[in-house]
Amino acid sequence: LGILIKHSGKLYPTLGGVLLFGKKRLELFPDARVRCACFADTTKATFIDQLDIDVPIPEAIDVIMTFIKKNTRLGAVFGQVRRIDVPEYPPVAVREAVVNALLHADYTIPGMCTTVAIFEDRMDLDSVQLIMPEFKEQERLVLRTTLAQQANERTVTIYTQGKQYGFGWFGPGGWPY
């Protein structure tokens, strides 16, 4: 999987290995955290709920998904006999966005952390915090959605190959959950 390298006859974790599984990863990457917040309306003026997450990436995915589920609406479709719950956001799409935000973040940038912000009318996942100040806000929004930074390409490779090795954090179809 490429999470270990051999140096002078000893095995050491790669940076991707540290990010995914390291117990002391915050010593190397102090900003390898996720900040989640749910706001009362369309602004950041009033918090309803917030959570700071500093567990390894596979665990963080579960914690973030639980936070999102807790803080988003649930609709319903009524069939002939039973009611079917319909989440505000499709879980597969949310999971994909969460995984991408975590895997493509540049954890080497000081002050950078992934954020999840749930508003009355939208949800923002952001892992690109430091954007050049000369860009206008609209350009920043475009950059935020198109730029992907990788601190270590091994994290993506490990996740991609993980389904082949039967890791528990891969659900049906190979998608991380």
C-alpha atoms as a PDB file:
ATOM      1  CA  LEU A   1       0.000   0.000   0.000  1.00  0.00           C
ATOM      2  CA  GLY A   2       2.941   2.341   0.301  1.00  0.00           C
ATOM      3  CA  ILE A   3       2.303   3.397   3.890  1.00  0.00           C
ATOM      4  CA  LEU A   4       5.755   2.230   4.988  1.00  0.00           C
ATOM      5  CA  ILE A   5       9.221   2.823   3.588  1.00  0.00           C
ATOM      6  CA  LYS A   6      12.467   1.087   4.444  1.00  0.00           C
ATOM      7  CA  HIS A   7      15.383   3.283   5.543  1.00  0.00           C
ATOM      8  CA  SER A   8      18.621   1.938   7.005  1.00  0.00           C
ATOM      9  CA  GLY A   9      17.007  -1.447   7.512  1.00  0.00           C
ATOM     10  CA  LYS A  10      14.040  -0.075   9.491  1.00  0.00           C
ATOM     11  CA  LEU A  11      10.443   0.534   8.430  1.00  0.00           C
ATOM     12  CA  TYR A  12       9.040   4.050   8.755  1.00  0.00           C
ATOM     13  CA  PRO A  13       5.587   5.374   7.871  1.00  0.00           C
ATOM     14  CA  THR A  14       5.199   7.602   4.810  1.00  0.00           C
ATOM     15  CA  LEU A  15       3.505  10.970   5.295  1.00  0.00           C
ATOM     16  CA  GLY A  16       0.332   9.450   3.862  1.00  0.00           C
ATOM     17  CA  GLY A  17       0.594   6.584   6.330  1.00  0.00           C
ATOM     18  CA  VAL A  18       0.976   9.053   9.194  1.00  0.00           C
ATOM     19  CA  LEU A  19      -2.056  11.078   8.032  1.00  0.00           C
ATOM     20  CA  LEU A  20      -4.247   8.008   7.627  1.00  0.00           C
ATOM     21  CA  PHE A  21      -3.215   5.924  10.625  1.00  0.00           C
ATOM     22  CA  GLY A  22      -0.665   7.789  12.763  1.00  0.00           C
ATOM     23  CA  LYS A  23      -1.347   8.177  16.472  1.00  0.00           C
ATOM     24  CA  LYS A  24       0.986  11.193  16.637  1.00  0.00           C
ATOM     25  CA  ARG A  25       0.026  12.727  13.298  1.00  0.00           C
ATOM     26  CA  LEU A  26      -0.876  16.051  14.917  1.00  0.00           C
ATOM     27  CA  GLU A  27       2.775  16.476  15.930  1.00  0.00           C
ATOM     28  CA  LEU A  28       3.772  16.452  12.243  1.00  0.00           C
ATOM     29  CA  PHE A  29       0.548  17.976  10.895  1.00  0.00           C
ATOM     30  CA  PRO A  30      -0.971  20.161  13.638  1.00  0.00           C
ATOM     31  CA  ASP A  31      -3.684  21.352  11.257  1.00  0.00           C
ATOM     32  CA  ALA A  32      -4.833  17.866  10.194  1.00  0.00           C
ATOM     33  CA  ARG A  33      -8.194  18.628  11.768  1.00  0.00           C
ATOM     34  CA  VAL A  34     -11.730  19.235  10.639  1.00  0.00           C
ATOM     35  CA  ARG A  35     -13.918  22.019  11.969  1.00  0.00           C
ATOM     36  CA  CYS A  36     -17.637  21.429  11.591  1.00  0.00           C
ATOM     37  CA  ALA A  37     -20.297  24.027  12.247  1.00  0.00           C
ATOM     38  CA  CYS A  38     -24.025  24.354  11.738  1.00  0.00           C
ATOM     39  CA  PHE A  39     -25.426  27.867  11.545  1.00  0.00           C
ATOM     40  CA  ALA A  40     -28.930  29.203  12.216  1.00  0.00           C
ATOM     41  CA  ASP A  41     -29.394  30.901   8.857  1.00  0.00           C
ATOM     42  CA  THR A  42     -27.400  31.851   5.739  1.00  0.00           C
ATOM     43  CA  THR A  43     -24.627  33.645   7.665  1.00  0.00           C
ATOM     44  CA  LYS A  44     -22.037  32.618  10.238  1.00  0.00           C
ATOM     45  CA  ALA A  45     -23.555  34.882  12.889  1.00  0.00           C
ATOM     46  CA  THR A  46     -25.239  32.229  15.064  1.00  0.00           C
ATOM     47  CA  PHE A  47     -24.012  28.690  15.765  1.00  0.00           C
ATOM     48  CA  ILE A  48     -26.488  25.891  16.309  1.00  0.00           C
ATOM     49  CA  ASP A  49     -23.856  23.182  16.661  1.00  0.00           C
ATOM     50  CA  GLN A  50     -20.106  22.827  16.232  1.00  0.00           C
ATOM     51  CA  LEU A  51     -17.500  20.113  16.468  1.00  0.00           C
ATOM     52  CA  ASP A  52     -13.708  19.971  16.114  1.00  0.00           C
ATOM     53  CA  ILE A  53     -12.406  16.625  14.851  1.00  0.00           C
ATOM     54  CA  ASP A  54      -8.790  15.531  15.244  1.00  0.00           C
ATOM     55  CA  VAL A  55      -8.939  11.784  14.626  1.00  0.00           C
ATOM     56  CA  PRO A  56      -7.285   9.941  11.686  1.00  0.00           C
ATOM     57  CA  ILE A  57      -8.890  10.409   8.266  1.00  0.00           C
ATOM     58  CA  PRO A  58     -10.806   7.078   8.149  1.00  0.00           C
ATOM     59  CA  GLU A  59     -12.419   7.841  11.536  1.00  0.00           C
ATOM     60  CA  ALA A  60     -12.963  11.494  10.633  1.00  0.00           C
ATOM     61  CA  ILE A  61     -15.126  10.468   7.674  1.00  0.00           C
ATOM     62  CA  ASP A  62     -17.554   8.664   9.989  1.00  0.00           C
ATOM     63  CA  VAL A  63     -17.623  11.527  12.514  1.00  0.00           C
ATOM     64  CA  ILE A  64     -18.230  14.135   9.803  1.00  0.00           C
ATOM     65  CA  MET A  65     -20.999  12.073   8.196  1.00  0.00           C
ATOM     66  CA  THR A  66     -22.685  11.711  11.597  1.00  0.00           C
ATOM     67  CA  PHE A  67     -22.425  15.487  12.195  1.00  0.00           C
ATOM     68  CA  ILE A  68     -23.902  16.238   8.762  1.00  0.00           C
ATOM     69  CA  LYS A  69     -26.743  13.740   9.243  1.00  0.00           C
ATOM     70  CA  LYS A  70     -27.521  15.218  12.664  1.00  0.00           C
ATOM     71  CA  ASN A  71     -27.600  18.797  11.369  1.00  0.00           C
ATOM     72  CA  THR A  72     -29.408  18.501   8.033  1.00  0.00           C
ATOM     73  CA  ARG A  73     -33.073  18.043   7.314  1.00  0.00           C
ATOM     74  CA  LEU A  74     -34.810  14.797   6.533  1.00  0.00           C
ATOM     75  CA  GLY A  75     -37.747  14.795   4.156  1.00  0.00           C
ATOM     76  CA  ALA A  76     -40.134  12.012   3.288  1.00  0.00           C
ATOM     77  CA  VAL A  77     -41.778  10.434   0.294  1.00  0.00           C
ATOM     78  CA  PHE A  78     -44.972   8.556   0.973  1.00  0.00           C
ATOM     79  CA  GLY A  79     -45.546   5.336  -0.920  1.00  0.00           C
ATOM     80  CA  GLN A  80     -48.724   3.323  -0.921  1.00  0.00           C
ATOM     81  CA  VAL A  81     -47.880   1.667   2.373  1.00  0.00           C
ATOM     82  CA  ARG A  82     -44.680   3.046   3.841  1.00  0.00           C
ATOM     83  CA  ARG A  83     -42.904   6.323   4.277  1.00  0.00           C
ATOM     84  CA  ILE A  84     -39.412   6.608   2.775  1.00  0.00           C
ATOM     85  CA  ASP A  85     -36.993   9.027   4.433  1.00  0.00           C
ATOM     86  CA  VAL A  86     -35.137  11.290   2.019  1.00  0.00           C
ATOM     87  CA  PRO A  87     -32.061  13.152   3.318  1.00  0.00           C
ATOM     88  CA  GLU A  88     -31.621  16.810   2.349  1.00  0.00           C
ATOM     89  CA  TYR A  89     -28.363  15.915   0.572  1.00  0.00           C
ATOM     90  CA  PRO A  90     -27.667  12.573  -1.158  1.00  0.00           C
ATOM     91  CA  PRO A  91     -25.427  10.583   1.231  1.00  0.00           C
ATOM     92  CA  VAL A  92     -23.238   9.174  -1.560  1.00  0.00           C
ATOM     93  CA  ALA A  93     -22.535  12.672  -2.904  1.00  0.00           C
ATOM     94  CA  VAL A  94     -21.846  14.021   0.586  1.00  0.00           C
ATOM     95  CA  ARG A  95     -19.506  11.130   1.375  1.00  0.00           C
ATOM     96  CA  GLU A  96     -17.632  11.696  -1.889  1.00  0.00           C
ATOM     97  CA  ALA A  97     -17.255  15.423  -1.119  1.00  0.00           C
ATOM     98  CA  VAL A  98     -16.058  14.675   2.430  1.00  0.00           C
ATOM     99  CA  VAL A  99     -13.509  12.097   1.260  1.00  0.00           C
ATOM    100  CA  ASN A 100     -12.237  14.430  -1.477  1.00  0.00           C
ATOM    101  CA  ALA A 101     -11.941  17.348   0.942  1.00  0.00           C
ATOM    102  CA  LEU A 102      -9.894  15.249   3.376  1.00  0.00           C
ATOM    103  CA  LEU A 103      -7.680  13.494   0.849  1.00  0.00           C
ATOM    104  CA  HIS A 104      -6.868  16.539  -1.277  1.00  0.00           C
ATOM    105  CA  ALA A 105      -6.168  18.963   1.563  1.00  0.00           C
ATOM    106  CA  ASP A 106      -2.652  20.336   1.917  1.00  0.00           C
ATOM    107  CA  TYR A 107      -1.933  19.647   5.573  1.00  0.00           C
ATOM    108  CA  THR A 108       1.457  21.345   5.322  1.00  0.00           C
ATOM    109  CA  ILE A 109      -0.014  24.862   5.109  1.00  0.00           C
ATOM    110  CA  PRO A 110       0.043  26.462   8.594  1.00  0.00           C
ATOM    111  CA  GLY A 111      -3.409  27.498   9.760  1.00  0.00           C
ATOM    112  CA  MET A 112      -5.121  25.298   7.166  1.00  0.00           C
ATOM    113  CA  CYS A 113      -7.822  22.904   8.225  1.00  0.00           C
ATOM    114  CA  THR A 114     -10.779  21.346   6.480  1.00  0.00           C
ATOM    115  CA  THR A 115     -14.123  22.941   7.318  1.00  0.00           C
ATOM    116  CA  VAL A 116     -17.707  21.766   7.041  1.00  0.00           C
ATOM    117  CA  ALA A 117     -20.275  24.549   7.298  1.00  0.00           C
ATOM    118  CA  ILE A 118     -23.993  23.800   7.230  1.00  0.00           C
ATOM    119  CA  PHE A 119     -26.294  26.745   6.585  1.00  0.00           C
ATOM    120  CA  GLU A 120     -30.039  27.067   6.227  1.00  0.00           C
ATOM    121  CA  ASP A 121     -29.764  26.994   2.424  1.00  0.00           C
ATOM    122  CA  ARG A 122     -26.499  25.129   1.679  1.00  0.00           C
ATOM    123  CA  MET A 123     -23.568  23.108   2.922  1.00  0.00           C
ATOM    124  CA  ASP A 124     -19.936  24.102   2.260  1.00  0.00           C
ATOM    125  CA  LEU A 125     -16.961  21.746   2.485  1.00  0.00           C
ATOM    126  CA  ASP A 126     -13.684  23.577   2.210  1.00  0.00           C
ATOM    127  CA  SER A 127     -10.156  22.244   2.313  1.00  0.00           C
ATOM    128  CA  VAL A 128      -8.442  25.094   0.469  1.00  0.00           C
ATOM    129  CA  GLN A 129      -8.081  27.839   3.064  1.00  0.00           C
ATOM    130  CA  LEU A 130      -5.211  29.969   1.821  1.00  0.00           C
ATOM    131  CA  ILE A 131      -6.203  31.597  -1.448  1.00  0.00           C
ATOM    132  CA  MET A 132      -4.286  34.606  -2.705  1.00  0.00           C
ATOM    133  CA  PRO A 133      -5.907  37.849  -1.474  1.00  0.00           C
ATOM    134  CA  GLU A 134      -5.818  39.502  -4.902  1.00  0.00           C
ATOM    135  CA  PHE A 135      -8.631  37.224  -6.105  1.00  0.00           C
ATOM    136  CA  LYS A 136     -12.165  38.567  -5.887  1.00  0.00           C
ATOM    137  CA  GLU A 137     -14.714  36.590  -3.870  1.00  0.00           C
ATOM    138  CA  GLN A 138     -16.345  35.076  -6.985  1.00  0.00           C
ATOM    139  CA  GLU A 139     -12.936  33.937  -8.229  1.00  0.00           C
ATOM    140  CA  ARG A 140     -12.240  32.449  -4.802  1.00  0.00           C
ATOM    141  CA  LEU A 141     -15.441  30.420  -5.021  1.00  0.00           C
ATOM    142  CA  VAL A 142     -14.343  29.037  -8.379  1.00  0.00           C
ATOM    143  CA  LEU A 143     -10.863  28.295  -7.053  1.00  0.00           C
ATOM    144  CA  ARG A 144     -12.284  26.676  -3.957  1.00  0.00           C
ATOM    145  CA  THR A 145     -14.210  24.206  -6.057  1.00  0.00           C
ATOM    146  CA  THR A 146     -11.528  23.526  -8.664  1.00  0.00           C
ATOM    147  CA  LEU A 147      -8.225  23.499  -6.767  1.00  0.00           C
ATOM    148  CA  ALA A 148      -7.198  20.277  -5.103  1.00  0.00           C
ATOM    149  CA  GLN A 149      -4.014  20.197  -3.080  1.00  0.00           C
ATOM    150  CA  GLN A 150      -2.351  16.992  -2.032  1.00  0.00           C
ATOM    151  CA  ALA A 151       0.078  16.915   0.859  1.00  0.00           C
ATOM    152  CA  ASN A 152       0.952  13.365  -0.033  1.00  0.00           C
ATOM    153  CA  GLU A 153      -0.381  11.539  -3.083  1.00  0.00           C
ATOM    154  CA  ARG A 154      -0.095   8.270  -1.146  1.00  0.00           C
ATOM    155  CA  THR A 155      -3.282   9.063   0.826  1.00  0.00           C
ATOM    156  CA  VAL A 156      -5.300   8.986  -2.395  1.00  0.00           C
ATOM    157  CA  THR A 157      -3.524   5.865  -3.656  1.00  0.00           C
ATOM    158  CA  ILE A 158      -4.010   4.074  -0.342  1.00  0.00           C
ATOM    159  CA  TYR A 159      -7.737   4.857  -0.365  1.00  0.00           C
ATOM    160  CA  THR A 160      -8.056   3.798  -3.986  1.00  0.00           C
ATOM    161  CA  GLN A 161      -6.271   0.499  -3.351  1.00  0.00           C
ATOM    162  CA  GLY A 162      -7.945  -0.079   0.012  1.00  0.00           C
ATOM    163  CA  LYS A 163     -10.963  -1.812  -1.454  1.00  0.00           C
ATOM    164  CA  GLN A 164      -8.662  -4.446  -2.929  1.00  0.00           C
ATOM    165  CA  TYR A 165      -7.400  -5.294   0.559  1.00  0.00           C
ATOM    166  CA  GLY A 166     -10.800  -5.406   2.252  1.00  0.00           C
ATOM    167  CA  PHE A 167     -10.350  -2.509   4.666  1.00  0.00           C
ATOM    168  CA  GLY A 168     -13.366  -1.988   6.899  1.00  0.00           C
ATOM    169  CA  TRP A 169     -13.751   1.655   5.952  1.00  0.00           C
ATOM    170  CA  PHE A 170     -14.733   0.768   2.414  1.00  0.00           C
ATOM    171  CA  GLY A 171     -18.398   0.119   1.914  1.00  0.00           C
ATOM    172  CA  PRO A 172     -20.258  -1.577  -0.940  1.00  0.00           C
ATOM    173  CA  GLY A 173     -18.882  -0.658  -4.345  1.00  0.00           C
ATOM    174  CA  GLY A 174     -15.553   0.371  -2.837  1.00  0.00           C
ATOM    175  CA  TRP A 175     -16.756   3.752  -1.560  1.00  0.00           C
ATOM    176  CA  PRO A 176     -15.323   4.856   1.759  1.00  0.00           C
ATOM    177  CA  TYR A 177     -17.992   5.369   4.385  1.00  0.00           C
END
